[in-house]
Amino acid sequence: SIVAAFAGFRHMNKLHSGKTIYIDDLACLPA
């Protein structure tokens, strides 16, 4: 019932790297 960790990401298309997944958020509760 406890979400201990999460990541939030999106797909992007950039000139310097092309189609990419960019991770906006990544965290894990201290415990």
All heavy atoms as atom14 arrays in JSON, in Angstrom:
{
  "sequence": "SIVAAFAGFRHMNKLHSGKTIYIDDLACLPA",
  "atom14_mask": [
    [1, 1, 1, 1, 1, 1, 0, 0, 0, 0, 0, 0, 0, 0],
    [1, 1, 1, 1, 1, 1, 1, 1, 0, 0, 0, 0, 0, 0],
    [1, 1, 1, 1, 1, 1, 1, 0, 0, 0, 0, 0, 0, 0],
    [1, 1, 1, 1, 1, 0, 0, 0, 0, 0, 0, 0, 0, 0],
    [1, 1, 1, 1, 1, 0, 0, 0, 0, 0, 0, 0, 0, 0],
    [1, 1, 1, 1, 1, 1, 1, 1, 1, 1, 1, 0, 0, 0],
    [1, 1, 1, 1, 1, 0, 0, 0, 0, 0, 0, 0, 0, 0],
    [1, 1, 1, 1, 0, 0, 0, 0, 0, 0, 0, 0, 0, 0],
    [1, 1, 1, 1, 1, 1, 1, 1, 1, 1, 1, 0, 0, 0],
    [1, 1, 1, 1, 1, 1, 1, 1, 1, 1, 1, 0, 0, 0],
    [1, 1, 1, 1, 1, 1, 1, 1, 1, 1, 0, 0, 0, 0],
    [1, 1, 1, 1, 1, 1, 1, 1, 0, 0, 0, 0, 0, 0],
    [1, 1, 1, 1, 1, 1, 1, 1, 0, 0, 0, 0, 0, 0],
    [1, 1, 1, 1, 1, 1, 1, 1, 1, 0, 0, 0, 0, 0],
    [1, 1, 1, 1, 1, 1, 1, 1, 0, 0, 0, 0, 0, 0],
    [1, 1, 1, 1, 1, 1, 1, 1, 1, 1, 0, 0, 0, 0],
    [1, 1, 1, 1, 1, 1, 0, 0, 0, 0, 0, 0, 0, 0],
    [1, 1, 1, 1, 0, 0, 0, 0, 0, 0, 0, 0, 0, 0],
    [1, 1, 1, 1, 1, 1, 1, 1, 1, 0, 0, 0, 0, 0],
    [1, 1, 1, 1, 1, 1, 1, 0, 0, 0, 0, 0, 0, 0],
    [1, 1, 1, 1, 1, 1, 1, 1, 0, 0, 0, 0, 0, 0],
    [1, 1, 1, 1, 1, 1, 1, 1, 1, 1, 1, 1, 0, 0],
    [1, 1, 1, 1, 1, 1, 1, 1, 0, 0, 0, 0, 0, 0],
    [1, 1, 1, 1, 1, 1, 1, 1, 0, 0, 0, 0, 0, 0],
    [1, 1, 1, 1, 1, 1, 1, 1, 0, 0, 0, 0, 0, 0],
    [1, 1, 1, 1, 1, 1, 1, 1, 0, 0, 0, 0, 0, 0],
    [1, 1, 1, 1, 1, 0, 0, 0, 0, 0, 0, 0, 0, 0],
    [1, 1, 1, 1, 1, 1, 0, 0, 0, 0, 0, 0, 0, 0],
    [1, 1, 1, 1, 1, 1, 1, 1, 0, 0, 0, 0, 0, 0],
    [1, 1, 1, 1, 1, 1, 1, 0, 0, 0, 0, 0, 0, 0],
    [1, 1, 1, 1, 1, 0, 0, 0, 0, 0, 0, 0, 0, 0]
  ],
  "atom14_positions": [
    [[0.82, -1.21, 0.0], [0.0, 0.0, 0.0], [0.86, 1.26, 0.0], [0.34, 2.36, -0.19], [-0.94, 0.02, 1.2], [-0.21, 0.23, 2.4], [0.0, 0.0, 0.0], [0.0, 0.0, 0.0], [0.0, 0.0, 0.0], [0.0, 0.0, 0.0], [0.0, 0.0, 0.0], [0.0, 0.0, 0.0], [0.0, 0.0, 0.0], [0.0, 0.0, 0.0]],
    [[2.18, 1.11, 0.2], [3.09, 2.26, 0.24], [3.87, 2.33, -1.07], [4.57, 1.38, -1.44], [4.07, 2.14, 1.41], [3.32, 2.16, 2.73], [5.12, 3.25, 1.35], [4.19, 1.87, 3.95], [0.0, 0.0, 0.0], [0.0, 0.0, 0.0], [0.0, 0.0, 0.0], [0.0, 0.0, 0.0], [0.0, 0.0, 0.0], [0.0, 0.0, 0.0]],
    [[3.74, 3.46, -1.76], [4.58, 3.69, -2.94], [5.92, 4.2, -2.43], [6.02, 5.28, -1.85], [3.93, 4.69, -3.91], [4.9, 5.04, -5.04], [2.64, 4.12, -4.47], [0.0, 0.0, 0.0], [0.0, 0.0, 0.0], [0.0, 0.0, 0.0], [0.0, 0.0, 0.0], [0.0, 0.0, 0.0], [0.0, 0.0, 0.0], [0.0, 0.0, 0.0]],
    [[6.95, 3.39, -2.61], [8.27, 3.68, -2.06], [9.12, 4.53, -3.0], [9.97, 5.29, -2.55], [9.0, 2.38, -1.75], [0.0, 0.0, 0.0], [0.0, 0.0, 0.0], [0.0, 0.0, 0.0], [0.0, 0.0, 0.0], [0.0, 0.0, 0.0], [0.0, 0.0, 0.0], [0.0, 0.0, 0.0], [0.0, 0.0, 0.0], [0.0, 0.0, 0.0]],
    [[8.89, 4.39, -4.31], [9.71, 5.1, -5.29], [8.89, 5.35, -6.54], [7.98, 4.59, -6.87], [10.96, 4.28, -5.62], [0.0, 0.0, 0.0], [0.0, 0.0, 0.0], [0.0, 0.0, 0.0], [0.0, 0.0, 0.0], [0.0, 0.0, 0.0], [0.0, 0.0, 0.0], [0.0, 0.0, 0.0], [0.0, 0.0, 0.0], [0.0, 0.0, 0.0]],
    [[9.23, 6.44, -7.23], [8.54, 6.73, -8.49], [9.49, 7.44, -9.44], [10.51, 8.0, -9.05], [7.3, 7.6, -8.24], [7.54, 9.09, -8.37], [7.05, 9.8, -9.45], [8.28, 9.77, -7.42], [7.28, 11.17, -9.58], [8.51, 11.14, -7.53], [8.01, 11.84, -8.62], [0.0, 0.0, 0.0], [0.0, 0.0, 0.0], [0.0, 0.0, 0.0]],
    [[9.12, 7.39, -10.71], [9.81, 8.17, -11.74], [8.74, 8.73, -12.66], [7.77, 8.04, -13.0], [10.78, 7.31, -12.54], [0.0, 0.0, 0.0], [0.0, 0.0, 0.0], [0.0, 0.0, 0.0], [0.0, 0.0, 0.0], [0.0, 0.0, 0.0], [0.0, 0.0, 0.0], [0.0, 0.0, 0.0], [0.0, 0.0, 0.0], [0.0, 0.0, 0.0]],
    [[8.91, 9.98, -13.04], [8.04, 10.63, -14.0], [8.85, 10.99, -15.22], [9.95, 11.55, -15.1], [0.0, 0.0, 0.0], [0.0, 0.0, 0.0], [0.0, 0.0, 0.0], [0.0, 0.0, 0.0], [0.0, 0.0, 0.0], [0.0, 0.0, 0.0], [0.0, 0.0, 0.0], [0.0, 0.0, 0.0], [0.0, 0.0, 0.0], [0.0, 0.0, 0.0]],
    [[8.35, 10.67, -16.4], [9.13, 10.9, -17.62], [8.21, 11.24, -18.78], [7.0, 11.09, -18.7], [9.99, 9.67, -17.94], [9.19, 8.43, -18.26], [8.88, 8.1, -19.56], [8.75, 7.59, -17.23], [8.13, 6.96, -19.85], [8.01, 6.45, -17.51], [7.7, 6.13, -18.82], [0.0, 0.0, 0.0], [0.0, 0.0, 0.0], [0.0, 0.0, 0.0]],
    [[8.83, 11.68, -19.84], [8.08, 12.01, -21.07], [8.97, 11.72, -22.27], [10.19, 11.68, -22.17], [7.62, 13.45, -21.06], [8.73, 14.46, -21.08], [8.27, 15.91, -20.9], [7.96, 16.18, -19.52], [6.77, 16.65, -19.1], [5.83, 16.94, -19.96], [6.55, 16.85, -17.84], [0.0, 0.0, 0.0], [0.0, 0.0, 0.0], [0.0, 0.0, 0.0]],
    [[8.32, 11.54, -23.4], [9.02, 11.38, -24.67], [9.23, 12.76, -25.26], [8.33, 13.6, -25.24], [8.2, 10.52, -25.62], [8.18, 9.07, -25.24], [7.45, 8.59, -24.17], [8.79, 8.01, -25.79], [7.63, 7.29, -24.08], [8.43, 6.91, -25.05], [0.0, 0.0, 0.0], [0.0, 0.0, 0.0], [0.0, 0.0, 0.0], [0.0, 0.0, 0.0]],
    [[10.42, 12.99, -25.78], [10.75, 14.27, -26.4], [11.47, 13.99, -27.71], [12.02, 12.92, -27.92], [11.65, 15.09, -25.47], [11.02, 15.38, -24.11], [12.12, 16.3, -23.04], [11.6, 17.95, -23.48], [0.0, 0.0, 0.0], [0.0, 0.0, 0.0], [0.0, 0.0, 0.0], [0.0, 0.0, 0.0], [0.0, 0.0, 0.0], [0.0, 0.0, 0.0]],
    [[11.47, 14.99, -28.56], [12.22, 14.93, -29.81], [13.09, 16.17, -29.86], [12.57, 17.29, -29.95], [11.26, 14.85, -31.0], [11.94, 14.37, -32.25], [13.15, 14.25, -32.31], [11.15, 14.11, -33.28], [0.0, 0.0, 0.0], [0.0, 0.0, 0.0], [0.0, 0.0, 0.0], [0.0, 0.0, 0.0], [0.0, 0.0, 0.0], [0.0, 0.0, 0.0]],
    [[14.4, 15.98, -29.76], [15.34, 17.09, -29.66], [16.29, 17.07, -30.85], [16.66, 16.0, -31.35], [16.15, 16.98, -28.37], [15.32, 17.02, -27.11], [16.23, 16.9, -25.91], [15.46, 17.03, -24.62], [16.36, 17.09, -23.47], [0.0, 0.0, 0.0], [0.0, 0.0, 0.0], [0.0, 0.0, 0.0], [0.0, 0.0, 0.0], [0.0, 0.0, 0.0]],
    [[16.7, 18.23, -31.28], [17.66, 18.3, -32.4], [18.97, 17.59, -32.06], [19.54, 16.9, -32.9], [17.92, 19.76, -32.78], [16.77, 20.49, -33.46], [17.13, 21.97, -33.67], [16.4, 19.84, -34.78], [0.0, 0.0, 0.0], [0.0, 0.0, 0.0], [0.0, 0.0, 0.0], [0.0, 0.0, 0.0], [0.0, 0.0, 0.0], [0.0, 0.0, 0.0]],
    [[19.45, 17.77, -30.85], [20.77, 17.2, -30.53], [20.74, 15.71, -30.21], [21.77, 15.05, -30.27], [21.44, 17.97, -29.39], [20.8, 17.8, -28.05], [21.1, 16.76, -27.22], [19.87, 18.54, -27.4], [20.39, 16.87, -26.12], [19.64, 17.93, -26.21], [0.0, 0.0, 0.0], [0.0, 0.0, 0.0], [0.0, 0.0, 0.0], [0.0, 0.0, 0.0]],
    [[19.59, 15.15, -29.89], [19.57, 13.73, -29.53], [18.45, 12.93, -30.19], [18.36, 11.73, -29.99], [19.45, 13.58, -28.0], [18.28, 14.22, -27.52], [0.0, 0.0, 0.0], [0.0, 0.0, 0.0], [0.0, 0.0, 0.0], [0.0, 0.0, 0.0], [0.0, 0.0, 0.0], [0.0, 0.0, 0.0], [0.0, 0.0, 0.0], [0.0, 0.0, 0.0]],
    [[17.61, 13.59, -30.96], [16.51, 12.89, -31.6], [15.44, 12.49, -30.6], [15.28, 13.13, -29.56], [0.0, 0.0, 0.0], [0.0, 0.0, 0.0], [0.0, 0.0, 0.0], [0.0, 0.0, 0.0], [0.0, 0.0, 0.0], [0.0, 0.0, 0.0], [0.0, 0.0, 0.0], [0.0, 0.0, 0.0], [0.0, 0.0, 0.0], [0.0, 0.0, 0.0]],
    [[14.73, 11.42, -30.9], [13.67, 10.96, -29.99], [14.31, 10.39, -28.73], [15.17, 9.51, -28.8], [12.79, 9.95, -30.7], [11.97, 10.58, -31.81], [11.04, 9.6, -32.47], [10.23, 10.31, -33.55], [9.34, 9.4, -34.24], [0.0, 0.0, 0.0], [0.0, 0.0, 0.0], [0.0, 0.0, 0.0], [0.0, 0.0, 0.0], [0.0, 0.0, 0.0]],
    [[13.86, 10.89, -27.61], [14.49, 10.65, -26.32], [13.43, 10.48, -25.25], [12.35, 11.06, -25.34], [15.33, 11.91, -25.95], [16.31, 12.11, -26.96], [16.0, 11.79, -24.61], [0.0, 0.0, 0.0], [0.0, 0.0, 0.0], [0.0, 0.0, 0.0], [0.0, 0.0, 0.0], [0.0, 0.0, 0.0], [0.0, 0.0, 0.0], [0.0, 0.0, 0.0]],
    [[13.73, 9.7, -24.23], [12.93, 9.74, -23.01], [13.67, 10.64, -22.04], [14.87, 10.46, -21.8], [12.7, 8.35, -22.39], [11.74, 7.54, -23.26], [12.16, 8.48, -20.96], [11.44, 6.14, -22.74], [0.0, 0.0, 0.0], [0.0, 0.0, 0.0], [0.0, 0.0, 0.0], [0.0, 0.0, 0.0], [0.0, 0.0, 0.0], [0.0, 0.0, 0.0]],
    [[12.95, 11.63, -21.51], [13.51, 12.55, -20.53], [12.85, 12.28, -19.19], [11.62, 12.31, -19.08], [13.29, 14.01, -20.94], [13.86, 14.95, -19.92], [15.22, 15.25, -19.93], [13.07, 15.48, -18.91], [15.77, 16.07, -18.96], [13.61, 16.3, -17.93], [14.96, 16.58, -17.97], [15.51, 17.38, -16.99], [0.0, 0.0, 0.0], [0.0, 0.0, 0.0]],
    [[13.66, 11.99, -18.19], [13.16, 11.74, -16.84], [13.11, 13.07, -16.1], [14.14, 13.69, -15.83], [14.05, 10.73, -16.09], [14.1, 9.4, -16.85], [13.54, 10.53, -14.66], [15.11, 8.4, -16.31], [0.0, 0.0, 0.0], [0.0, 0.0, 0.0], [0.0, 0.0, 0.0], [0.0, 0.0, 0.0], [0.0, 0.0, 0.0], [0.0, 0.0, 0.0]],
    [[11.89, 13.5, -15.8], [11.67, 14.74, -15.06], [11.89, 14.55, -13.56], [12.38, 15.45, -12.88], [10.22, 15.24, -15.24], [9.89, 15.65, -16.65], [9.53, 14.76, -17.44], [9.96, 16.85, -16.93], [0.0, 0.0, 0.0], [0.0, 0.0, 0.0], [0.0, 0.0, 0.0], [0.0, 0.0, 0.0], [0.0, 0.0, 0.0], [0.0, 0.0, 0.0]],
    [[11.43, 13.42, -13.05], [11.36, 13.2, -11.62], [11.77, 11.77, -11.28], [11.36, 10.83, -11.98], [9.93, 13.42, -11.12], [9.38, 14.78, -11.52], [9.93, 15.79, -11.06], [8.41, 14.82, -12.3], [0.0, 0.0, 0.0], [0.0, 0.0, 0.0], [0.0, 0.0, 0.0], [0.0, 0.0, 0.0], [0.0, 0.0, 0.0], [0.0, 0.0, 0.0]],
    [[12.53, 11.63, -10.21], [12.91, 10.3, -9.7], [13.16, 10.45, -8.22], [13.97, 11.29, -7.81], [14.16, 9.78, -10.42], [14.73, 8.45, -9.92], [13.78, 7.31, -10.19], [16.08, 8.19, -10.57], [0.0, 0.0, 0.0], [0.0, 0.0, 0.0], [0.0, 0.0, 0.0], [0.0, 0.0, 0.0], [0.0, 0.0, 0.0], [0.0, 0.0, 0.0]],
    [[12.47, 9.66, -7.41], [12.67, 9.75, -5.97], [12.29, 8.45, -5.29], [11.48, 7.67, -5.8], [11.84, 10.89, -5.38], [0.0, 0.0, 0.0], [0.0, 0.0, 0.0], [0.0, 0.0, 0.0], [0.0, 0.0, 0.0], [0.0, 0.0, 0.0], [0.0, 0.0, 0.0], [0.0, 0.0, 0.0], [0.0, 0.0, 0.0], [0.0, 0.0, 0.0]],
    [[12.88, 8.26, -4.13], [12.59, 7.13, -3.27], [12.46, 7.66, -1.85], [13.29, 8.47, -1.41], [13.73, 6.12, -3.38], [13.44, 4.58, -2.49], [0.0, 0.0, 0.0], [0.0, 0.0, 0.0], [0.0, 0.0, 0.0], [0.0, 0.0, 0.0], [0.0, 0.0, 0.0], [0.0, 0.0, 0.0], [0.0, 0.0, 0.0], [0.0, 0.0, 0.0]],
    [[11.42, 7.26, -1.15], [11.26, 7.68, 0.23], [12.48, 7.23, 1.06], [13.0, 6.13, 0.83], [9.98, 7.09, 0.83], [8.67, 7.63, 0.27], [7.5, 6.82, 0.84], [8.51, 9.1, 0.59], [0.0, 0.0, 0.0], [0.0, 0.0, 0.0], [0.0, 0.0, 0.0], [0.0, 0.0, 0.0], [0.0, 0.0, 0.0], [0.0, 0.0, 0.0]],
    [[12.92, 8.05, 1.99], [14.14, 7.71, 2.76], [14.13, 6.33, 3.39], [15.15, 5.63, 3.38], [14.19, 8.81, 3.83], [13.5, 9.97, 3.19], [12.39, 9.36, 2.35], [0.0, 0.0, 0.0], [0.0, 0.0, 0.0], [0.0, 0.0, 0.0], [0.0, 0.0, 0.0], [0.0, 0.0, 0.0], [0.0, 0.0, 0.0], [0.0, 0.0, 0.0]],
    [[13.01, 5.88, 3.92], [12.95, 4.57, 4.57], [13.17, 3.41, 3.6], [13.44, 2.28, 4.03], [11.6, 4.4, 5.27], [0.0, 0.0, 0.0], [0.0, 0.0, 0.0], [0.0, 0.0, 0.0], [0.0, 0.0, 0.0], [0.0, 0.0, 0.0], [0.0, 0.0, 0.0], [0.0, 0.0, 0.0], [0.0, 0.0, 0.0], [0.0, 0.0, 0.0]]
  ]
}
